[in-house]
Amino acid sequence: MGSFKLGKMTLGSIFKKPETIQYPAQTRYAPPGLKGHIVNDIDACILCGICMKRCPTGALVVDKPAGTWSIDRFRCVQCGSCVRECPKHCLSMDPAYAPPATKKSIDVVSKEMATDGRNDAKEAE
């Protein structure tokens, strides 16, 4: 009885298109509900650090004095906690697949910090 099921499955797969693709030459469509990867709109970000505190894996690091926001994509589990907790809604989940990487690296985004007018006045004296 089992061989009939196997034969039916084998013959059926001959006439269907293959399930696999030649990645990265071909890309597959993003299924609905795919979380993808986190994207930060650094211009809207205030570097408050709430996303870093809410991240269960510690994949985010916010350094306000240096003006940097970084993510370790190999530690991120795409849970979306940071996206939900961001007060400025500058974080979002991009539904596209993340590009393949050959090395472990941390993505760092820098923000130009606005200079305070008081410091400019002190330097002029």
N, C-alpha and C. Protein backbone atom coordinates (compact mmCIF):
# COMPACT_ATOMS: atom_id res chain seq x y z
N MET A 1 0.81 -1.19 0.00
CA MET A 1 0.00 0.00 0.00
C MET A 1 0.87 1.26 0.00
N GLY A 2 1.98 1.22 0.73
CA GLY A 2 2.86 2.38 0.82
C GLY A 2 3.53 2.69 -0.50
N SER A 3 3.81 1.65 -1.31
CA SER A 3 4.48 1.90 -2.58
C SER A 3 3.56 2.62 -3.56
N PHE A 4 2.24 2.42 -3.45
CA PHE A 4 1.31 3.14 -4.32
C PHE A 4 1.31 4.64 -4.00
N LYS A 5 1.39 4.98 -2.72
CA LYS A 5 1.45 6.38 -2.33
C LYS A 5 2.74 7.02 -2.83
N LEU A 6 3.82 6.30 -2.69
CA LEU A 6 5.11 6.80 -3.14
C LEU A 6 5.12 6.99 -4.65
N GLY A 7 4.57 6.04 -5.38
CA GLY A 7 4.50 6.14 -6.84
C GLY A 7 3.63 7.32 -7.28
N LYS A 8 2.52 7.53 -6.60
CA LYS A 8 1.62 8.65 -6.93
C LYS A 8 2.33 9.98 -6.67
N MET A 9 3.04 10.07 -5.56
CA MET A 9 3.75 11.29 -5.22
C MET A 9 4.88 11.55 -6.21
N THR A 10 5.59 10.52 -6.61
CA THR A 10 6.69 10.67 -7.56
C THR A 10 6.18 11.09 -8.93
N LEU A 11 5.15 10.46 -9.41
CA LEU A 11 4.60 10.83 -10.72
C LEU A 11 3.98 12.23 -10.69
N GLY A 12 3.38 12.59 -9.56
CA GLY A 12 2.80 13.92 -9.44
C GLY A 12 3.84 15.02 -9.46
N SER A 13 4.99 14.75 -8.88
CA SER A 13 6.04 15.77 -8.83
C SER A 13 6.74 15.96 -10.17
N ILE A 14 6.61 15.04 -11.07
CA ILE A 14 7.22 15.17 -12.39
C ILE A 14 6.57 16.31 -13.17
N PHE A 15 5.29 16.51 -13.00
CA PHE A 15 4.56 17.49 -13.78
C PHE A 15 4.39 18.85 -13.08
N LYS A 16 4.87 18.96 -11.86
CA LYS A 16 4.81 20.24 -11.14
C LYS A 16 6.13 20.97 -11.30
N LYS A 17 6.09 22.30 -11.10
CA LYS A 17 7.35 23.03 -11.13
C LYS A 17 8.08 22.80 -9.81
N PRO A 18 9.41 22.90 -9.81
CA PRO A 18 10.18 22.58 -8.60
C PRO A 18 9.92 23.58 -7.47
N GLU A 19 10.06 23.09 -6.25
CA GLU A 19 9.87 23.93 -5.07
C GLU A 19 11.10 24.77 -4.76
N THR A 20 12.26 24.35 -5.20
CA THR A 20 13.50 25.08 -4.90
C THR A 20 13.79 26.09 -5.99
N ILE A 21 14.63 27.09 -5.66
CA ILE A 21 15.02 28.11 -6.62
C ILE A 21 16.54 28.26 -6.58
N GLN A 22 17.09 28.95 -7.55
CA GLN A 22 18.53 29.21 -7.62
C GLN A 22 18.83 30.52 -6.90
N TYR A 23 18.83 30.50 -5.56
CA TYR A 23 19.07 31.71 -4.77
C TYR A 23 20.55 32.01 -4.74
N PRO A 24 21.02 33.18 -4.86
CA PRO A 24 20.41 34.49 -4.94
C PRO A 24 20.14 34.97 -6.36
N ALA A 25 20.39 34.16 -7.39
CA ALA A 25 20.11 34.60 -8.76
C ALA A 25 18.62 34.82 -8.96
N GLN A 26 17.80 33.96 -8.37
CA GLN A 26 16.35 34.12 -8.40
C GLN A 26 15.88 34.42 -6.98
N THR A 27 14.91 35.27 -6.86
CA THR A 27 14.36 35.56 -5.54
C THR A 27 12.93 35.07 -5.45
N ARG A 28 12.58 34.63 -4.29
CA ARG A 28 11.24 34.11 -4.05
C ARG A 28 10.36 35.23 -3.53
N TYR A 29 9.08 35.14 -3.80
CA TYR A 29 8.15 36.15 -3.32
C TYR A 29 8.08 36.09 -1.79
N ALA A 30 7.79 37.20 -1.19
CA ALA A 30 7.67 37.26 0.27
C ALA A 30 6.26 36.82 0.66
N PRO A 31 6.13 35.74 1.41
CA PRO A 31 4.80 35.29 1.82
C PRO A 31 4.17 36.29 2.79
N PRO A 32 2.86 36.34 2.85
CA PRO A 32 2.21 37.27 3.79
C PRO A 32 2.56 36.92 5.23
N GLY A 33 2.82 37.95 6.02
CA GLY A 33 3.18 37.74 7.41
C GLY A 33 4.66 37.56 7.66
N LEU A 34 5.49 37.62 6.62
CA LEU A 34 6.93 37.49 6.79
C LEU A 34 7.46 38.71 7.53
N LYS A 35 8.21 38.48 8.59
CA LYS A 35 8.71 39.60 9.38
C LYS A 35 9.96 40.21 8.77
N GLY A 36 10.76 39.46 8.09
CA GLY A 36 11.92 40.01 7.41
C GLY A 36 13.01 40.47 8.36
N HIS A 37 13.38 41.74 8.27
CA HIS A 37 14.44 42.27 9.11
C HIS A 37 14.10 43.71 9.54
N ILE A 38 14.77 44.18 10.57
CA ILE A 38 14.47 45.49 11.16
C ILE A 38 15.19 46.59 10.38
N VAL A 39 14.45 47.66 10.12
CA VAL A 39 15.01 48.83 9.45
C VAL A 39 14.76 50.03 10.35
N ASN A 40 15.78 50.89 10.49
CA ASN A 40 15.67 52.07 11.32
C ASN A 40 15.72 53.32 10.45
N ASP A 41 14.70 54.19 10.60
CA ASP A 41 14.72 55.50 9.97
C ASP A 41 15.48 56.42 10.92
N ILE A 42 16.77 56.54 10.72
CA ILE A 42 17.64 57.23 11.67
C ILE A 42 17.31 58.71 11.79
N ASP A 43 16.72 59.31 10.77
CA ASP A 43 16.36 60.72 10.85
C ASP A 43 15.25 60.96 11.88
N ALA A 44 14.34 60.01 12.05
CA ALA A 44 13.26 60.15 13.03
C ALA A 44 13.64 59.63 14.40
N CYS A 45 14.73 58.89 14.50
CA CYS A 45 15.14 58.27 15.76
C CYS A 45 15.69 59.33 16.72
N ILE A 46 15.30 59.22 18.00
CA ILE A 46 15.81 60.15 19.02
C ILE A 46 16.85 59.47 19.91
N LEU A 47 17.20 58.24 19.59
CA LEU A 47 18.22 57.46 20.32
C LEU A 47 17.88 57.36 21.81
N CYS A 48 16.61 57.06 22.11
CA CYS A 48 16.17 57.00 23.51
C CYS A 48 16.62 55.70 24.19
N GLY A 49 16.81 54.62 23.44
CA GLY A 49 17.29 53.37 24.02
C GLY A 49 16.19 52.44 24.50
N ILE A 50 14.92 52.77 24.28
CA ILE A 50 13.84 51.89 24.72
C ILE A 50 13.87 50.58 23.93
N CYS A 51 14.20 50.66 22.65
CA CYS A 51 14.28 49.44 21.83
C CYS A 51 15.35 48.51 22.38
N MET A 52 16.46 49.07 22.82
CA MET A 52 17.56 48.27 23.37
C MET A 52 17.13 47.58 24.66
N LYS A 53 16.35 48.28 25.49
CA LYS A 53 15.89 47.71 26.76
C LYS A 53 14.87 46.60 26.55
N ARG A 54 14.06 46.72 25.50
CA ARG A 54 12.99 45.75 25.25
C ARG A 54 13.45 44.53 24.45
N CYS A 55 14.61 44.59 23.85
CA CYS A 55 15.10 43.49 23.02
C CYS A 55 15.43 42.29 23.90
N PRO A 56 14.76 41.14 23.71
CA PRO A 56 15.02 39.99 24.58
C PRO A 56 16.37 39.33 24.37
N THR A 57 17.00 39.54 23.21
CA THR A 57 18.28 38.90 22.94
C THR A 57 19.46 39.84 23.06
N GLY A 58 19.21 41.13 23.28
CA GLY A 58 20.31 42.09 23.37
C GLY A 58 20.97 42.36 22.04
N ALA A 59 20.21 42.29 20.95
CA ALA A 59 20.79 42.49 19.63
C ALA A 59 20.97 43.96 19.28
N LEU A 60 20.29 44.85 20.00
CA LEU A 60 20.36 46.28 19.71
C LEU A 60 21.26 46.99 20.72
N VAL A 61 22.03 47.94 20.23
CA VAL A 61 22.86 48.77 21.10
C VAL A 61 22.67 50.21 20.65
N VAL A 62 22.25 51.07 21.59
CA VAL A 62 22.07 52.49 21.30
C VAL A 62 23.09 53.26 22.12
N ASP A 63 23.88 54.08 21.44
CA ASP A 63 24.88 54.91 22.10
C ASP A 63 24.55 56.37 21.79
N LYS A 64 23.81 57.00 22.70
CA LYS A 64 23.35 58.36 22.46
C LYS A 64 24.49 59.37 22.37
N PRO A 65 25.51 59.33 23.26
CA PRO A 65 26.59 60.32 23.13
C PRO A 65 27.34 60.23 21.79
N ALA A 66 27.51 59.03 21.29
CA ALA A 66 28.19 58.86 20.00
C ALA A 66 27.24 59.03 18.82
N GLY A 67 25.93 58.96 19.08
CA GLY A 67 24.95 59.12 18.01
C GLY A 67 24.84 57.91 17.12
N THR A 68 25.00 56.70 17.68
CA THR A 68 24.94 55.49 16.86
C THR A 68 23.85 54.54 17.35
N TRP A 69 23.28 53.81 16.42
CA TRP A 69 22.30 52.76 16.67
C TRP A 69 22.80 51.55 15.91
N SER A 70 22.99 50.41 16.60
CA SER A 70 23.53 49.24 15.92
C SER A 70 22.70 48.01 16.23
N ILE A 71 22.74 47.07 15.28
CA ILE A 71 22.00 45.82 15.43
C ILE A 71 22.90 44.67 14.99
N ASP A 72 22.90 43.62 15.79
CA ASP A 72 23.58 42.38 15.45
C ASP A 72 22.52 41.47 14.85
N ARG A 73 22.49 41.36 13.54
CA ARG A 73 21.42 40.62 12.85
C ARG A 73 21.47 39.12 13.13
N PHE A 74 22.60 38.61 13.58
CA PHE A 74 22.68 37.18 13.91
C PHE A 74 22.09 36.88 15.28
N ARG A 75 21.95 37.89 16.13
CA ARG A 75 21.32 37.71 17.45
C ARG A 75 19.84 38.02 17.41
N CYS A 76 19.40 38.83 16.45
CA CYS A 76 18.00 39.26 16.35
C CYS A 76 17.13 38.08 15.93
N VAL A 77 16.00 37.90 16.63
CA VAL A 77 15.09 36.81 16.33
C VAL A 77 13.80 37.31 15.67
N GLN A 78 13.78 38.56 15.23
CA GLN A 78 12.66 39.18 14.53
C GLN A 78 11.34 39.05 15.31
N CYS A 79 11.40 39.29 16.61
CA CYS A 79 10.18 39.19 17.43
C CYS A 79 9.32 40.43 17.30
N GLY A 80 9.91 41.57 16.97
CA GLY A 80 9.16 42.81 16.79
C GLY A 80 8.92 43.59 18.06
N SER A 81 9.53 43.22 19.17
CA SER A 81 9.35 43.95 20.42
C SER A 81 9.85 45.39 20.30
N CYS A 82 10.96 45.57 19.64
CA CYS A 82 11.52 46.91 19.49
C CYS A 82 10.63 47.78 18.62
N VAL A 83 10.02 47.19 17.60
CA VAL A 83 9.15 47.94 16.70
C VAL A 83 7.90 48.41 17.45
N ARG A 84 7.34 47.55 18.27
CA ARG A 84 6.14 47.91 19.04
C ARG A 84 6.42 48.97 20.09
N GLU A 85 7.60 48.96 20.69
CA GLU A 85 7.91 49.84 21.81
C GLU A 85 8.50 51.19 21.41
N CYS A 86 8.89 51.37 20.17
CA CYS A 86 9.53 52.62 19.74
C CYS A 86 8.54 53.78 19.84
N PRO A 87 8.85 54.82 20.63
CA PRO A 87 7.91 55.93 20.79
C PRO A 87 7.78 56.80 19.54
N LYS A 88 8.78 56.86 18.69
CA LYS A 88 8.75 57.68 17.47
C LYS A 88 8.37 56.88 16.23
N HIS A 89 8.17 55.57 16.38
CA HIS A 89 7.79 54.68 15.28
C HIS A 89 8.79 54.76 14.11
N CYS A 90 10.06 54.85 14.46
CA CYS A 90 11.09 54.91 13.41
C CYS A 90 11.59 53.52 13.05
N LEU A 91 11.28 52.50 13.84
CA LEU A 91 11.67 51.13 13.52
C LEU A 91 10.53 50.45 12.78
N SER A 92 10.87 49.63 11.81
CA SER A 92 9.86 48.88 11.06
C SER A 92 10.45 47.53 10.65
N MET A 93 9.56 46.60 10.37
CA MET A 93 9.98 45.28 9.88
C MET A 93 9.84 45.28 8.37
N ASP A 94 10.96 45.22 7.67
CA ASP A 94 10.95 45.16 6.21
C ASP A 94 10.62 43.72 5.80
N PRO A 95 9.57 43.52 5.00
CA PRO A 95 9.16 42.15 4.68
C PRO A 95 10.08 41.42 3.71
N ALA A 96 11.09 42.08 3.18
CA ALA A 96 12.02 41.41 2.26
C ALA A 96 13.01 40.57 3.05
N TYR A 97 13.53 39.55 2.40
CA TYR A 97 14.55 38.73 3.04
C TYR A 97 15.83 39.55 3.21
N ALA A 98 16.53 39.30 4.29
CA ALA A 98 17.82 39.97 4.50
C ALA A 98 18.83 39.42 3.50
N PRO A 99 19.73 40.26 3.02
CA PRO A 99 20.74 39.76 2.07
C PRO A 99 21.66 38.75 2.74
N PRO A 100 22.15 37.77 2.00
CA PRO A 100 23.04 36.78 2.60
C PRO A 100 24.36 37.42 3.03
N ALA A 101 24.92 36.92 4.12
CA ALA A 101 26.18 37.44 4.63
C ALA A 101 27.19 36.32 4.74
N THR A 102 28.44 36.65 4.47
CA THR A 102 29.51 35.65 4.57
C THR A 102 30.23 35.74 5.90
N LYS A 103 30.10 36.89 6.59
CA LYS A 103 30.75 37.08 7.88
C LYS A 103 29.76 37.66 8.87
N LYS A 104 29.99 37.36 10.14
CA LYS A 104 29.18 37.96 11.19
C LYS A 104 29.62 39.41 11.34
N SER A 105 28.65 40.31 11.27
CA SER A 105 28.97 41.72 11.42
C SER A 105 27.81 42.42 12.12
N ILE A 106 28.10 43.58 12.65
CA ILE A 106 27.10 44.39 13.31
C ILE A 106 26.85 45.61 12.44
N ASP A 107 25.58 45.84 12.09
CA ASP A 107 25.22 46.99 11.28
C ASP A 107 25.10 48.22 12.19
N VAL A 108 25.85 49.26 11.87
CA VAL A 108 25.85 50.48 12.67
C VAL A 108 25.31 51.62 11.81
N VAL A 109 24.34 52.35 12.37
CA VAL A 109 23.78 53.52 11.71
C VAL A 109 24.13 54.72 12.57
N SER A 110 24.71 55.75 11.96
CA SER A 110 25.11 56.95 12.69
C SER A 110 24.15 58.08 12.40
N LYS A 111 23.97 58.91 13.41
CA LYS A 111 23.10 60.07 13.27
C LYS A 111 23.92 61.31 13.55
N GLU A 112 23.77 62.31 12.69
CA GLU A 112 24.43 63.59 12.91
C GLU A 112 23.72 64.28 14.05
N MET A 113 24.43 64.49 15.13
CA MET A 113 23.83 65.15 16.29
C MET A 113 23.86 66.66 16.07
N ALA A 114 22.73 67.31 16.36
CA ALA A 114 22.64 68.76 16.22
C ALA A 114 23.51 69.41 17.30
N THR A 115 24.27 70.40 16.91
CA THR A 115 25.12 71.07 17.89
C THR A 115 24.28 72.06 18.67
N ASP A 116 24.63 72.23 19.90
CA ASP A 116 23.92 73.15 20.77
C ASP A 116 24.46 74.55 20.54
N GLY A 117 23.58 75.54 20.46
CA GLY A 117 23.98 76.92 20.22
C GLY A 117 24.84 77.48 21.32
N ARG A 118 24.70 76.97 22.54
CA ARG A 118 25.49 77.45 23.67
C ARG A 118 26.97 77.09 23.49
N ASN A 119 27.24 75.92 22.94
CA ASN A 119 28.64 75.51 22.74
C ASN A 119 29.30 76.37 21.67
N ASP A 120 28.55 76.76 20.64
CA ASP A 120 29.11 77.59 19.59
C ASP A 120 29.46 78.97 20.14
N ALA A 121 28.62 79.47 21.06
CA ALA A 121 28.88 80.79 21.64
C ALA A 121 30.13 80.76 22.50
N LYS A 122 30.37 79.67 23.24
CA LYS A 122 31.56 79.55 24.07
C LYS A 122 32.82 79.48 23.23
N GLU A 123 32.75 78.80 22.09
CA GLU A 123 33.92 78.67 21.23
C GLU A 123 34.26 80.00 20.58
N ALA A 124 33.25 80.85 20.34
CA ALA A 124 33.48 82.14 19.69
C ALA A 124 34.22 83.10 20.63
N GLU A 125 34.04 82.93 21.94
CA GLU A 125 34.69 83.82 22.90
C GLU A 125 36.11 83.50 22.99
